[in-house]
Every structure is written in C-alpha cells, then in structure tokens.
C-alpha cells in the first residue's frame, strides 16, 4: 500500500503537455534577462490578467529564430499595452547573453523583449517539434494556439486582441477567481 501511495504521489508531479484550451499554471521563472527583475512569474508579465502572452521558443543555433527578433521587437512595441512577448530557451544565460550582444551590435539596436533562460518547465508544458515555435497564452492562462512564425503578424495580432477580452469573459475563470 505504501508503495502504491508513493507511486501515485510521484505520478501527480509529472508535467503533461498542454493541449489547446488547457490552462498553464502561474510559473515562476528564475532566470530572466531584459526585464526589471531577474525572477518573474507568468502573472507578472500579464500585468493583472490584461495581456496576451506570446511564448517564442528558440535557441542560439536557430538562424530563423534570431532573424525574427527584429520583427518581434517591433510587434512588442506596437502592441505593448495588450501583448507581452517572451523569448524562451533552455540554454544557459551566459550563452544567450553572448548571442544577444552579437545581435544588438549587428542590428544597432537593443533587444527589449524579456528572455527566459535555462527553461525546463515550459519545454515540458508546450509540445513543440521545431524552433521557432510560438505558444499563445490568453490573459486567463489558457493555451489558445501553437503556431509557426507566419501566423505572428500585426494583422492576426490585432484581430485576436480585439476578441480576447470577450473570450476570457466567456470562459469566466478570472471572474470566479476574483470573487474568492
């Protein structure tokens, strides 16, 4: 019986990949670059459940990933009030810093998007097969889509952002949790 209890406890700690419509927990990130704090939670980036989160999974050897930084940085600036882009990599902070410094020098601009390094949790929650890979997280932490870079455009963002409040209200999760 004791072994069965230990097995059940161990199984409950296994992280399973999310499917569209599943809710991501409020993860605490321990290594954050390009942010006011080196540690931050998912909810801190959402600023009171107001922002759509776009997770960009990348690595330092992915040329298309690095080439997309300029586009993503301009999208972040254009939709700053309602969108937060986060660059997610399992790589070490020092390796990432060197890559970002080279990019900034080559592009003569500072990358302003927060970067989560040494990530292991999101790599388990989000099932991906390629980089760059994008996961769209609604303000109520619901995984709403997983896409390639061709779907990350100003037109698509503008269209979704015009509907996101309605979708979040329809699910009612934030209203239920705020009443507690």
C-alpha atoms as a PDB file:
ATOM      1  CA  UNK A   1       0.000   0.000   0.000  1.00  0.00           C
ATOM      2  CA  UNK A   2       2.827   2.399   0.896  1.00  0.00           C
ATOM      3  CA  UNK A   3       4.496   1.779  -2.478  1.00  0.00           C
ATOM      4  CA  UNK A   4       1.210   2.470  -4.246  1.00  0.00           C
ATOM      5  CA  UNK A   5       0.865   5.785  -2.384  1.00  0.00           C
ATOM      6  CA  UNK A   6       4.443   6.791  -3.288  1.00  0.00           C
ATOM      7  CA  UNK A   7       3.803   5.883  -6.926  1.00  0.00           C
ATOM      8  CA  UNK A   8       0.581   7.924  -7.019  1.00  0.00           C
ATOM      9  CA  UNK A   9       2.364  10.927  -5.481  1.00  0.00           C
ATOM     10  CA  UNK A  10       5.209  10.675  -7.996  1.00  0.00           C
ATOM     11  CA  UNK A  11       2.742  10.446 -10.883  1.00  0.00           C
ATOM     12  CA  UNK A  12       0.906  13.576  -9.758  1.00  0.00           C
ATOM     13  CA  UNK A  13       4.178  15.573 -10.056  1.00  0.00           C
ATOM     14  CA  UNK A  14       4.676  14.641 -13.726  1.00  0.00           C
ATOM     15  CA  UNK A  15       4.114  17.571 -16.048  1.00  0.00           C
ATOM     16  CA  UNK A  16       1.958  16.701 -19.019  1.00  0.00           C
ATOM     17  CA  UNK A  17       1.994  18.727 -22.242  1.00  0.00           C
ATOM     18  CA  UNK A  18      -0.928  21.096 -22.609  1.00  0.00           C
ATOM     19  CA  UNK A  19      -3.489  20.981 -25.381  1.00  0.00           C
ATOM     20  CA  UNK A  20      -5.335  23.954 -26.793  1.00  0.00           C
ATOM     21  CA  UNK A  21      -7.878  25.008 -24.163  1.00  0.00           C
ATOM     22  CA  UNK A  22      -5.775  23.788 -21.218  1.00  0.00           C
ATOM     23  CA  UNK A  23      -4.673  26.254 -18.540  1.00  0.00           C
ATOM     24  CA  UNK A  24      -0.989  26.913 -17.819  1.00  0.00           C
ATOM     25  CA  UNK A  25      -0.133  27.368 -14.123  1.00  0.00           C
ATOM     26  CA  UNK A  26       1.408  30.627 -12.909  1.00  0.00           C
ATOM     27  CA  UNK A  27       5.032  29.586 -13.389  1.00  0.00           C
ATOM     28  CA  UNK A  28       7.887  31.392 -11.632  1.00  0.00           C
ATOM     29  CA  UNK A  29      10.885  31.985 -13.906  1.00  0.00           C
ATOM     30  CA  UNK A  30      14.240  32.042 -12.096  1.00  0.00           C
ATOM     31  CA  UNK A  31      16.441  33.433 -14.883  1.00  0.00           C
ATOM     32  CA  UNK A  32      15.035  36.401 -16.793  1.00  0.00           C
ATOM     33  CA  UNK A  33      17.070  38.731 -18.996  1.00  0.00           C
ATOM     34  CA  UNK A  34      15.896  42.116 -20.359  1.00  0.00           C
ATOM     35  CA  UNK A  35      13.459  42.627 -17.513  1.00  0.00           C
ATOM     36  CA  UNK A  36      13.321  44.778 -14.401  1.00  0.00           C
ATOM     37  CA  UNK A  37      13.768  41.658 -12.242  1.00  0.00           C
ATOM     38  CA  UNK A  38      15.883  38.563 -12.795  1.00  0.00           C
ATOM     39  CA  UNK A  39      12.978  36.489 -11.450  1.00  0.00           C
ATOM     40  CA  UNK A  40       9.353  36.875 -12.503  1.00  0.00           C
ATOM     41  CA  UNK A  41       6.118  34.909 -12.668  1.00  0.00           C
ATOM     42  CA  UNK A  42       3.912  34.473 -15.698  1.00  0.00           C
ATOM     43  CA  UNK A  43       1.255  36.629 -13.999  1.00  0.00           C
ATOM     44  CA  UNK A  44       3.785  39.455 -13.546  1.00  0.00           C
ATOM     45  CA  UNK A  45       4.182  39.596 -17.324  1.00  0.00           C
ATOM     46  CA  UNK A  46       0.408  39.596 -17.782  1.00  0.00           C
ATOM     47  CA  UNK A  47       0.043  42.704 -15.619  1.00  0.00           C
ATOM     48  CA  UNK A  48      -3.152  41.808 -13.829  1.00  0.00           C
ATOM     49  CA  UNK A  49      -4.536  39.405 -16.414  1.00  0.00           C
ATOM     50  CA  UNK A  50      -4.570  42.127 -19.057  1.00  0.00           C
ATOM     51  CA  UNK A  51      -2.032  40.863 -21.602  1.00  0.00           C
ATOM     52  CA  UNK A  52      -1.853  38.109 -24.157  1.00  0.00           C
ATOM     53  CA  UNK A  53       1.430  36.231 -23.760  1.00  0.00           C
ATOM     54  CA  UNK A  54       3.268  35.059 -26.860  1.00  0.00           C
ATOM     55  CA  UNK A  55       5.915  32.477 -25.976  1.00  0.00           C
ATOM     56  CA  UNK A  56       8.664  32.247 -28.606  1.00  0.00           C
ATOM     57  CA  UNK A  57      10.661  29.034 -28.235  1.00  0.00           C
ATOM     58  CA  UNK A  58      14.117  29.450 -29.738  1.00  0.00           C
ATOM     59  CA  UNK A  59      17.790  28.611 -29.317  1.00  0.00           C
ATOM     60  CA  UNK A  60      21.070  30.290 -30.164  1.00  0.00           C
ATOM     61  CA  UNK A  61      21.825  27.997 -33.118  1.00  0.00           C
ATOM     62  CA  UNK A  62      18.487  28.653 -34.826  1.00  0.00           C
ATOM     63  CA  UNK A  63      19.139  31.283 -37.510  1.00  0.00           C
ATOM     64  CA  UNK A  64      15.423  31.855 -38.344  1.00  0.00           C
ATOM     65  CA  UNK A  65      14.777  32.350 -34.612  1.00  0.00           C
ATOM     66  CA  UNK A  66      17.408  35.065 -34.322  1.00  0.00           C
ATOM     67  CA  UNK A  67      16.323  36.714 -37.582  1.00  0.00           C
ATOM     68  CA  UNK A  68      12.800  37.045 -36.140  1.00  0.00           C
ATOM     69  CA  UNK A  69      13.956  39.202 -33.190  1.00  0.00           C
ATOM     70  CA  UNK A  70      13.636  42.469 -35.126  1.00  0.00           C
ATOM     71  CA  UNK A  71      10.043  41.663 -36.167  1.00  0.00           C
ATOM     72  CA  UNK A  72       9.115  40.514 -32.655  1.00  0.00           C
ATOM     73  CA  UNK A  73      10.662  43.603 -31.070  1.00  0.00           C
ATOM     74  CA  UNK A  74       8.621  45.879 -33.347  1.00  0.00           C
ATOM     75  CA  UNK A  75       5.436  43.881 -32.615  1.00  0.00           C
ATOM     76  CA  UNK A  76       6.119  44.199 -28.885  1.00  0.00           C
ATOM     77  CA  UNK A  77       6.403  47.969 -29.220  1.00  0.00           C
ATOM     78  CA  UNK A  78       3.299  48.249 -31.414  1.00  0.00           C
ATOM     79  CA  UNK A  79       1.082  46.160 -29.103  1.00  0.00           C
ATOM     80  CA  UNK A  80       2.784  46.914 -25.787  1.00  0.00           C
ATOM     81  CA  UNK A  81      -0.455  47.614 -23.863  1.00  0.00           C
ATOM     82  CA  UNK A  82      -2.078  44.275 -24.663  1.00  0.00           C
ATOM     83  CA  UNK A  83       0.744  41.867 -25.599  1.00  0.00           C
ATOM     84  CA  UNK A  84       3.844  40.512 -23.901  1.00  0.00           C
ATOM     85  CA  UNK A  85       6.282  38.505 -25.985  1.00  0.00           C
ATOM     86  CA  UNK A  86       8.667  36.240 -24.062  1.00  0.00           C
ATOM     87  CA  UNK A  87      11.668  34.546 -25.652  1.00  0.00           C
ATOM     88  CA  UNK A  88      12.041  31.065 -24.139  1.00  0.00           C
ATOM     89  CA  UNK A  89      15.207  28.969 -24.330  1.00  0.00           C
ATOM     90  CA  UNK A  90      16.577  26.015 -22.364  1.00  0.00           C
ATOM     91  CA  UNK A  91      20.090  27.365 -22.883  1.00  0.00           C
ATOM     92  CA  UNK A  92      22.353  28.894 -20.248  1.00  0.00           C
ATOM     93  CA  UNK A  93      22.141  32.646 -19.589  1.00  0.00           C
ATOM     94  CA  UNK A  94      25.793  33.269 -20.489  1.00  0.00           C
ATOM     95  CA  UNK A  95      25.436  31.663 -23.923  1.00  0.00           C
ATOM     96  CA  UNK A  96      22.218  33.623 -24.526  1.00  0.00           C
ATOM     97  CA  UNK A  97      23.783  36.918 -23.398  1.00  0.00           C
ATOM     98  CA  UNK A  98      26.635  36.485 -25.898  1.00  0.00           C
ATOM     99  CA  UNK A  99      24.175  35.790 -28.732  1.00  0.00           C
ATOM    100  CA  UNK A 100      22.015  38.789 -27.817  1.00  0.00           C
ATOM    101  CA  UNK A 101      25.066  41.071 -27.621  1.00  0.00           C
ATOM    102  CA  UNK A 102      26.129  39.989 -31.143  1.00  0.00           C
ATOM    103  CA  UNK A 103      22.569  40.553 -32.429  1.00  0.00           C
ATOM    104  CA  UNK A 104      22.349  44.010 -30.843  1.00  0.00           C
ATOM    105  CA  UNK A 105      25.699  45.023 -32.301  1.00  0.00           C
ATOM    106  CA  UNK A 106      24.816  43.717 -35.784  1.00  0.00           C
ATOM    107  CA  UNK A 107      21.377  45.400 -35.745  1.00  0.00           C
ATOM    108  CA  UNK A 108      22.456  48.575 -33.962  1.00  0.00           C
ATOM    109  CA  UNK A 109      19.545  48.328 -31.535  1.00  0.00           C
ATOM    110  CA  UNK A 110      18.781  46.965 -28.090  1.00  0.00           C
ATOM    111  CA  UNK A 111      16.510  43.929 -27.868  1.00  0.00           C
ATOM    112  CA  UNK A 112      13.778  44.890 -25.401  1.00  0.00           C
ATOM    113  CA  UNK A 113      11.905  41.583 -25.151  1.00  0.00           C
ATOM    114  CA  UNK A 114      12.294  39.609 -21.890  1.00  0.00           C
ATOM    115  CA  UNK A 115      14.213  36.352 -22.289  1.00  0.00           C
ATOM    116  CA  UNK A 116      13.619  33.308 -20.088  1.00  0.00           C
ATOM    117  CA  UNK A 117      16.812  31.229 -19.991  1.00  0.00           C
ATOM    118  CA  UNK A 118      17.581  27.805 -18.526  1.00  0.00           C
ATOM    119  CA  UNK A 119      13.917  26.912 -19.011  1.00  0.00           C
ATOM    120  CA  UNK A 120      12.824  23.374 -18.255  1.00  0.00           C
ATOM    121  CA  UNK A 121       9.145  23.802 -17.281  1.00  0.00           C
ATOM    122  CA  UNK A 122       7.695  25.443 -20.388  1.00  0.00           C
ATOM    123  CA  UNK A 123       9.640  22.959 -22.505  1.00  0.00           C
ATOM    124  CA  UNK A 124       7.532  20.243 -20.830  1.00  0.00           C
ATOM    125  CA  UNK A 125       4.176  22.060 -20.915  1.00  0.00           C
ATOM    126  CA  UNK A 126       4.335  23.117 -24.550  1.00  0.00           C
ATOM    127  CA  UNK A 127       4.636  20.295 -27.073  1.00  0.00           C
ATOM    128  CA  UNK A 128       6.802  21.577 -29.887  1.00  0.00           C
ATOM    129  CA  UNK A 129       8.662  19.942 -32.719  1.00  0.00           C
ATOM    130  CA  UNK A 130      10.636  22.822 -34.193  1.00  0.00           C
ATOM    131  CA  UNK A 131      12.121  26.241 -33.492  1.00  0.00           C
ATOM    132  CA  UNK A 132      10.948  28.909 -33.702  1.00  0.00           C
ATOM    133  CA  UNK A 133       7.668  27.774 -32.206  1.00  0.00           C
ATOM    134  CA  UNK A 134       5.015  30.070 -30.753  1.00  0.00           C
ATOM    135  CA  UNK A 135       2.519  29.356 -27.988  1.00  0.00           C
ATOM    136  CA  UNK A 136      -0.281  31.881 -27.462  1.00  0.00           C
ATOM    137  CA  UNK A 137      -1.431  32.224 -23.833  1.00  0.00           C
ATOM    138  CA  UNK A 138      -4.634  34.189 -23.097  1.00  0.00           C
ATOM    139  CA  UNK A 139      -4.807  36.527 -20.078  1.00  0.00           C
ATOM    140  CA  UNK A 140      -6.525  33.748 -18.096  1.00  0.00           C
ATOM    141  CA  UNK A 141      -3.548  31.409 -18.822  1.00  0.00           C
ATOM    142  CA  UNK A 142      -5.404  29.307 -21.391  1.00  0.00           C
ATOM    143  CA  UNK A 143      -3.269  27.932 -24.221  1.00  0.00           C
ATOM    144  CA  UNK A 144      -5.183  29.225 -27.225  1.00  0.00           C
ATOM    145  CA  UNK A 145      -2.861  28.324 -30.104  1.00  0.00           C
ATOM    146  CA  UNK A 146       0.507  26.990 -31.173  1.00  0.00           C
ATOM    147  CA  UNK A 147       1.838  28.343 -34.444  1.00  0.00           C
ATOM    148  CA  UNK A 148       4.799  28.986 -36.666  1.00  0.00           C
ATOM    149  CA  UNK A 149       6.191  32.459 -37.303  1.00  0.00           C
ATOM    150  CA  UNK A 150       3.974  33.005 -40.362  1.00  0.00           C
ATOM    151  CA  UNK A 151       0.988  33.446 -38.010  1.00  0.00           C
ATOM    152  CA  UNK A 152       2.680  36.114 -35.912  1.00  0.00           C
ATOM    153  CA  UNK A 153       1.689  39.183 -37.906  1.00  0.00           C
ATOM    154  CA  UNK A 154       0.308  42.602 -36.970  1.00  0.00           C
ATOM    155  CA  UNK A 155      -2.992  41.753 -38.691  1.00  0.00           C
ATOM    156  CA  UNK A 156      -3.508  38.473 -36.845  1.00  0.00           C
ATOM    157  CA  UNK A 157      -2.474  40.016 -33.510  1.00  0.00           C
ATOM    158  CA  UNK A 158      -4.811  42.973 -33.997  1.00  0.00           C
ATOM    159  CA  UNK A 159      -7.716  40.668 -34.872  1.00  0.00           C
ATOM    160  CA  UNK A 160      -7.166  38.360 -31.909  1.00  0.00           C
ATOM    161  CA  UNK A 161      -6.541  41.168 -29.439  1.00  0.00           C
ATOM    162  CA  UNK A 162      -9.861  42.737 -30.425  1.00  0.00           C
ATOM    163  CA  UNK A 163     -11.593  39.488 -29.373  1.00  0.00           C
ATOM    164  CA  UNK A 164      -9.517  38.298 -26.415  1.00  0.00           C
ATOM    165  CA  UNK A 165     -11.459  40.142 -23.706  1.00  0.00           C
ATOM    166  CA  UNK A 166     -14.711  38.587 -24.927  1.00  0.00           C
ATOM    167  CA  UNK A 167     -13.158  35.091 -24.975  1.00  0.00           C
ATOM    168  CA  UNK A 168     -11.721  35.467 -21.458  1.00  0.00           C
ATOM    169  CA  UNK A 169     -15.042  36.829 -20.118  1.00  0.00           C
ATOM    170  CA  UNK A 170     -16.927  33.972 -21.800  1.00  0.00           C
ATOM    171  CA  UNK A 171     -14.764  31.377 -20.028  1.00  0.00           C
ATOM    172  CA  UNK A 172     -15.389  33.163 -16.701  1.00  0.00           C
ATOM    173  CA  UNK A 173     -12.261  31.847 -14.988  1.00  0.00           C
ATOM    174  CA  UNK A 174     -10.954  35.258 -13.932  1.00  0.00           C
ATOM    175  CA  UNK A 175     -14.351  36.353 -12.576  1.00  0.00           C
ATOM    176  CA  UNK A 176     -14.660  33.184 -10.473  1.00  0.00           C
ATOM    177  CA  UNK A 177     -11.139  33.557  -9.070  1.00  0.00           C
ATOM    178  CA  UNK A 178     -11.552  37.270  -8.303  1.00  0.00           C
ATOM    179  CA  UNK A 179     -14.690  36.565  -6.236  1.00  0.00           C
ATOM    180  CA  UNK A 180     -12.782  34.300  -3.860  1.00  0.00           C
END
